[in-house]
C-alpha atoms as a PDB file:
ATOM      1  CA  MET A   1      -0.044  -0.134   0.050  1.00  0.00           C
ATOM      2  CA  ARG A   2       1.500   3.605  -0.955  1.00  0.00           C
ATOM      3  CA  VAL A   3       0.803   4.979   2.519  1.00  0.00           C
ATOM      4  CA  ASP A   4       3.146   5.221   5.589  1.00  0.00           C
ATOM      5  CA  PHE A   5       2.108   3.184   8.467  1.00  0.00           C
ATOM      6  CA  VAL A   6       2.644   6.286  10.874  1.00  0.00           C
ATOM      7  CA  PHE A   7       0.379   8.343   8.622  1.00  0.00           C
ATOM      8  CA  GLU A   8      -2.392   5.597   8.421  1.00  0.00           C
ATOM      9  CA  TYR A   9      -5.332   5.383  11.039  1.00  0.00           C
ATOM     10  CA  PRO A  10      -5.115   1.771  12.795  1.00  0.00           C
ATOM     11  CA  ARG A  11      -6.865  -0.502  10.561  1.00  0.00           C
ATOM     12  CA  PRO A  12      -6.570  -4.392  10.152  1.00  0.00           C
ATOM     13  CA  THR A  13      -4.520  -5.369   7.368  1.00  0.00           C
ATOM     14  CA  MET A  14      -3.590  -8.660   5.862  1.00  0.00           C
ATOM     15  CA  PRO A  15      -0.170 -10.075   6.540  1.00  0.00           C
ATOM     16  CA  ASN A  16       1.119  -9.846   2.761  1.00  0.00           C
ATOM     17  CA  VAL A  17       0.384  -6.060   2.928  1.00  0.00           C
ATOM     18  CA  VAL A  18       3.538  -3.800   2.544  1.00  0.00           C
ATOM     19  CA  TYR A  19       3.405  -0.419   3.454  1.00  0.00           C
ATOM     20  CA  ILE A  20       5.496   1.750   0.882  1.00  0.00           C
ATOM     21  CA  GLY A  21       4.760   5.073   1.662  1.00  0.00           C
ATOM     22  CA  GLY A  22       7.394   7.748   0.900  1.00  0.00           C
ATOM     23  CA  PHE A  23       8.984   5.388  -1.446  1.00  0.00           C
ATOM     24  CA  GLN A  24      10.115   8.165  -3.775  1.00  0.00           C
ATOM     25  CA  CYS A  25      11.159  10.595  -1.086  1.00  0.00           C
ATOM     26  CA  LYS A  26      15.045  11.040  -1.350  1.00  0.00           C
ATOM     27  CA  PRO A  27      17.641  13.757   0.066  1.00  0.00           C
ATOM     28  CA  ALA A  28      17.383  17.131  -1.908  1.00  0.00           C
ATOM     29  CA  LYS A  29      19.952  17.887  -4.494  1.00  0.00           C
ATOM     30  CA  PRO A  30      21.475  21.338  -5.049  1.00  0.00           C
ATOM     31  CA  LEU A  31      18.754  23.797  -6.735  1.00  0.00           C
ATOM     32  CA  PRO A  32      19.516  25.441 -10.284  1.00  0.00           C
ATOM     33  CA  GLU A  33      21.343  28.523  -9.852  1.00  0.00           C
ATOM     34  CA  HIS A  34      18.645  31.129 -10.572  1.00  0.00           C
ATOM     35  CA  LEU A  35      16.337  29.156  -7.735  1.00  0.00           C
ATOM     36  CA  GLU A  36      19.362  29.071  -5.239  1.00  0.00           C
ATOM     37  CA  GLU A  37      19.816  32.812  -5.980  1.00  0.00           C
ATOM     38  CA  PHE A  38      16.237  33.460  -5.290  1.00  0.00           C
ATOM     39  CA  VAL A  39      16.189  31.041  -2.334  1.00  0.00           C
ATOM     40  CA  GLN A  40      19.094  32.865  -0.561  1.00  0.00           C
ATOM     41  CA  SER A  41      17.830  36.295  -1.187  1.00  0.00           C
ATOM     42  CA  SER A  42      15.084  35.598   1.471  1.00  0.00           C
ATOM     43  CA  GLY A  43      17.340  36.117   4.414  1.00  0.00           C
ATOM     44  CA  GLU A  44      16.083  35.209   8.033  1.00  0.00           C
ATOM     45  CA  HIS A  45      12.622  35.157   6.568  1.00  0.00           C
ATOM     46  CA  ARG A  46      13.071  31.873   4.437  1.00  0.00           C
ATOM     47  CA  VAL A  47      10.754  30.648   1.497  1.00  0.00           C
ATOM     48  CA  ILE A  48       7.323  29.504   0.947  1.00  0.00           C
ATOM     49  CA  ILE A  49       6.824  27.181  -1.935  1.00  0.00           C
ATOM     50  CA  MET A  50       3.280  26.713  -3.307  1.00  0.00           C
ATOM     51  CA  SER A  51       2.118  24.094  -6.031  1.00  0.00           C
ATOM     52  CA  LEU A  52      -1.562  22.726  -6.703  1.00  0.00           C
ATOM     53  CA  GLY A  53      -0.121  19.862  -8.687  1.00  0.00           C
ATOM     54  CA  THR A  54      -0.091  18.685 -12.226  1.00  0.00           C
ATOM     55  CA  PHE A  55      -3.991  18.871 -12.710  1.00  0.00           C
ATOM     56  CA  ILE A  56      -4.260  22.528 -11.675  1.00  0.00           C
ATOM     57  CA  ALA A  57      -2.135  24.763 -14.037  1.00  0.00           C
ATOM     58  CA  GLU A  58      -4.066  27.811 -13.520  1.00  0.00           C
ATOM     59  CA  LEU A  59      -6.946  29.494 -11.496  1.00  0.00           C
ATOM     60  CA  PRO A  60      -9.617  31.876 -12.214  1.00  0.00           C
ATOM     61  CA  GLN A  61      -8.092  35.402 -12.358  1.00  0.00           C
ATOM     62  CA  ASP A  62      -9.452  36.923  -9.352  1.00  0.00           C
ATOM     63  CA  LEU A  63      -8.544  34.169  -7.028  1.00  0.00           C
ATOM     64  CA  ALA A  64      -5.222  34.152  -8.509  1.00  0.00           C
ATOM     65  CA  ASP A  65      -4.883  37.951  -7.906  1.00  0.00           C
ATOM     66  CA  GLN A  66      -6.141  37.333  -4.142  1.00  0.00           C
ATOM     67  CA  ILE A  67      -3.283  34.659  -3.473  1.00  0.00           C
ATOM     68  CA  ALA A  68      -0.587  37.030  -5.056  1.00  0.00           C
ATOM     69  CA  ALA A  69      -1.927  40.189  -3.191  1.00  0.00           C
ATOM     70  CA  ALA A  70      -1.844  37.998   0.151  1.00  0.00           C
ATOM     71  CA  PHE A  71       1.880  36.554  -0.621  1.00  0.00           C
ATOM     72  CA  ALA A  72       3.024  40.436  -1.490  1.00  0.00           C
ATOM     73  CA  LYS A  73       2.281  41.354   1.906  1.00  0.00           C
ATOM     74  CA  MET A  74       4.513  38.633   3.657  1.00  0.00           C
ATOM     75  CA  PRO A  75       8.068  38.896   4.391  1.00  0.00           C
ATOM     76  CA  GLN A  76       8.872  35.280   2.874  1.00  0.00           C
ATOM     77  CA  LYS A  77      10.007  35.004  -0.588  1.00  0.00           C
ATOM     78  CA  VAL A  78       7.473  32.678  -2.411  1.00  0.00           C
ATOM     79  CA  ILE A  79       8.145  30.368  -5.291  1.00  0.00           C
ATOM     80  CA  TRP A  80       4.666  29.637  -6.952  1.00  0.00           C
ATOM     81  CA  ARG A  81       4.258  26.706  -9.552  1.00  0.00           C
ATOM     82  CA  TYR A  82       1.646  28.499 -11.849  1.00  0.00           C
ATOM     83  CA  LYS A  83       0.995  28.346 -15.455  1.00  0.00           C
ATOM     84  CA  GLY A  84      -2.109  31.048 -15.655  1.00  0.00           C
ATOM     85  CA  ALA A  85      -1.966  34.823 -16.535  1.00  0.00           C
ATOM     86  CA  LYS A  86       0.339  36.592 -14.323  1.00  0.00           C
ATOM     87  CA  PRO A  87      -1.680  38.080 -11.493  1.00  0.00           C
ATOM     88  CA  ALA A  88      -1.978  41.846 -11.614  1.00  0.00           C
ATOM     89  CA  THR A  89      -1.110  41.835  -7.652  1.00  0.00           C
ATOM     90  CA  LEU A  90       1.953  39.813  -7.838  1.00  0.00           C
ATOM     91  CA  GLY A  91       4.743  41.227  -5.450  1.00  0.00           C
ATOM     92  CA  ASN A  92       8.428  41.196  -5.906  1.00  0.00           C
ATOM     93  CA  ASN A  93       8.829  38.621  -3.358  1.00  0.00           C
ATOM     94  CA  THR A  94       6.848  36.146  -5.416  1.00  0.00           C
ATOM     95  CA  LEU A  95       8.559  34.004  -8.428  1.00  0.00           C
ATOM     96  CA  LEU A  96       6.337  32.381 -10.755  1.00  0.00           C
ATOM     97  CA  VAL A  97       7.595  29.272 -12.336  1.00  0.00           C
ATOM     98  CA  ASP A  98       6.219  26.635 -14.852  1.00  0.00           C
ATOM     99  CA  TRP A  99       7.813  23.818 -12.857  1.00  0.00           C
ATOM    100  CA  MET A 100      10.117  23.462  -9.792  1.00  0.00           C
ATOM    101  CA  PRO A 101      12.233  20.732  -8.223  1.00  0.00           C
ATOM    102  CA  GLN A 102       9.599  20.263  -5.437  1.00  0.00           C
ATOM    103  CA  ASN A 103      11.663  17.446  -3.718  1.00  0.00           C
ATOM    104  CA  ASP A 104      14.686  19.780  -3.745  1.00  0.00           C
ATOM    105  CA  LEU A 105      13.071  22.816  -2.623  1.00  0.00           C
ATOM    106  CA  LEU A 106      11.333  21.146   0.090  1.00  0.00           C
ATOM    107  CA  GLY A 107      14.445  19.638   1.358  1.00  0.00           C
ATOM    108  CA  HIS A 108      16.503  22.975   1.238  1.00  0.00           C
ATOM    109  CA  PRO A 109      17.034  24.459   4.647  1.00  0.00           C
ATOM    110  CA  LYS A 110      15.437  28.046   3.976  1.00  0.00           C
ATOM    111  CA  THR A 111      12.308  26.367   2.974  1.00  0.00           C
ATOM    112  CA  LYS A 112       9.753  27.437   5.795  1.00  0.00           C
ATOM    113  CA  LEU A 113       6.406  26.408   4.419  1.00  0.00           C
ATOM    114  CA  PHE A 114       4.659  24.326   1.645  1.00  0.00           C
ATOM    115  CA  VAL A 115       1.354  25.537   0.346  1.00  0.00           C
ATOM    116  CA  ALA A 116      -0.024  22.579  -1.519  1.00  0.00           C
ATOM    117  CA  HIS A 117      -3.184  20.721  -2.857  1.00  0.00           C
ATOM    118  CA  GLY A 118      -2.446  17.834  -0.744  1.00  0.00           C
ATOM    119  CA  GLY A 119      -1.389  14.936  -3.489  1.00  0.00           C
ATOM    120  CA  THR A 120       0.310  11.851  -2.039  1.00  0.00           C
ATOM    121  CA  ASN A 121       3.761  12.837  -3.368  1.00  0.00           C
ATOM    122  CA  GLY A 122       3.976  16.031  -1.939  1.00  0.00           C
ATOM    123  CA  VAL A 123       2.394  15.373   1.434  1.00  0.00           C
ATOM    124  CA  GLN A 124       5.030  12.395   1.830  1.00  0.00           C
ATOM    125  CA  GLU A 125       7.938  14.789   0.574  1.00  0.00           C
ATOM    126  CA  ALA A 126       7.052  17.411   2.890  1.00  0.00           C
ATOM    127  CA  LEU A 127       6.787  14.698   5.801  1.00  0.00           C
ATOM    128  CA  TYR A 128      10.249  13.640   4.862  1.00  0.00           C
ATOM    129  CA  HIS A 129      11.792  17.033   4.895  1.00  0.00           C
ATOM    130  CA  GLY A 130       9.834  18.385   8.070  1.00  0.00           C
ATOM    131  CA  VAL A 131       8.198  20.986   6.186  1.00  0.00           C
ATOM    132  CA  PRO A 132       4.599  21.974   7.654  1.00  0.00           C
ATOM    133  CA  ILE A 133       1.878  22.194   5.088  1.00  0.00           C
ATOM    134  CA  ILE A 134      -1.007  24.630   4.514  1.00  0.00           C
ATOM    135  CA  GLY A 135      -3.403  22.224   2.482  1.00  0.00           C
ATOM    136  CA  LEU A 136      -5.842  23.353   0.114  1.00  0.00           C
ATOM    137  CA  PRO A 137      -7.512  20.330  -1.053  1.00  0.00           C
ATOM    138  CA  LEU A 138      -9.504  20.118  -4.242  1.00  0.00           C
ATOM    139  CA  ILE A 139     -10.034  16.610  -5.595  1.00  0.00           C
ATOM    140  CA  PHE A 140      -9.208  12.788  -5.209  1.00  0.00           C
ATOM    141  CA  ASP A 141      -7.491  11.799  -2.002  1.00  0.00           C
ATOM    142  CA  GLN A 142      -6.247  15.311  -1.185  1.00  0.00           C
ATOM    143  CA  PRO A 143      -8.937  16.058   1.781  1.00  0.00           C
ATOM    144  CA  ASP A 144      -7.993  12.750   3.227  1.00  0.00           C
ATOM    145  CA  ASN A 145      -4.356  13.457   3.063  1.00  0.00           C
ATOM    146  CA  VAL A 146      -4.361  16.875   4.401  1.00  0.00           C
ATOM    147  CA  HIS A 147      -6.675  16.026   7.525  1.00  0.00           C
ATOM    148  CA  ARG A 148      -4.413  13.425   8.262  1.00  0.00           C
ATOM    149  CA  LEU A 149      -1.652  16.211   8.453  1.00  0.00           C
ATOM    150  CA  GLU A 150      -3.912  18.421  10.370  1.00  0.00           C
ATOM    151  CA  VAL A 151      -4.774  15.798  12.855  1.00  0.00           C
ATOM    152  CA  ARG A 152      -0.909  14.967  13.586  1.00  0.00           C
ATOM    153  CA  GLY A 153       0.110  18.623  13.756  1.00  0.00           C
ATOM    154  CA  ALA A 154       1.968  18.847  10.600  1.00  0.00           C
ATOM    155  CA  GLY A 155      -0.336  21.216   8.744  1.00  0.00           C
ATOM    156  CA  LYS A 156      -3.634  23.282   8.508  1.00  0.00           C
ATOM    157  CA  VAL A 157      -6.453  22.730   6.146  1.00  0.00           C
ATOM    158  CA  LEU A 158      -8.058  25.531   4.340  1.00  0.00           C
ATOM    159  CA  ASP A 159     -11.198  25.771   2.411  1.00  0.00           C
ATOM    160  CA  PHE A 160      -9.875  26.656  -1.187  1.00  0.00           C
ATOM    161  CA  PHE A 161     -12.619  28.799  -1.915  1.00  0.00           C
END
């Protein structure tokens, strides 16, 4: 089963069941130069990364503008994986990217928080690297995943809308 025993609620399992949650997790590699420079420029405030996974490439413009405006008020630097139109309220502290080395960013010592949709890979990588999550669950197993984080004190769940 692609879950971690620690992350599961107690339940009976058959003897042939093997828990393999987190099998994809690995130590972080060095970041590409442009990302490392951006991360290092965060100073003591560190970095927040945001990704809503591969299925949610863009958001309604008004929602993207609200998220960007909230990030612009923060002292942290933000790396946001986003393919939509550039939000009008985007601050100088936010870098929009089409793709990011998520595991490597989560493993970077300057990463403070992961704003995520709650997909299995991201949740397990964040747990592996000890990065708290603000979960914005949308579909599939995401609500269950982020609820488990919140119950165990590793994150908070917000209603996306």
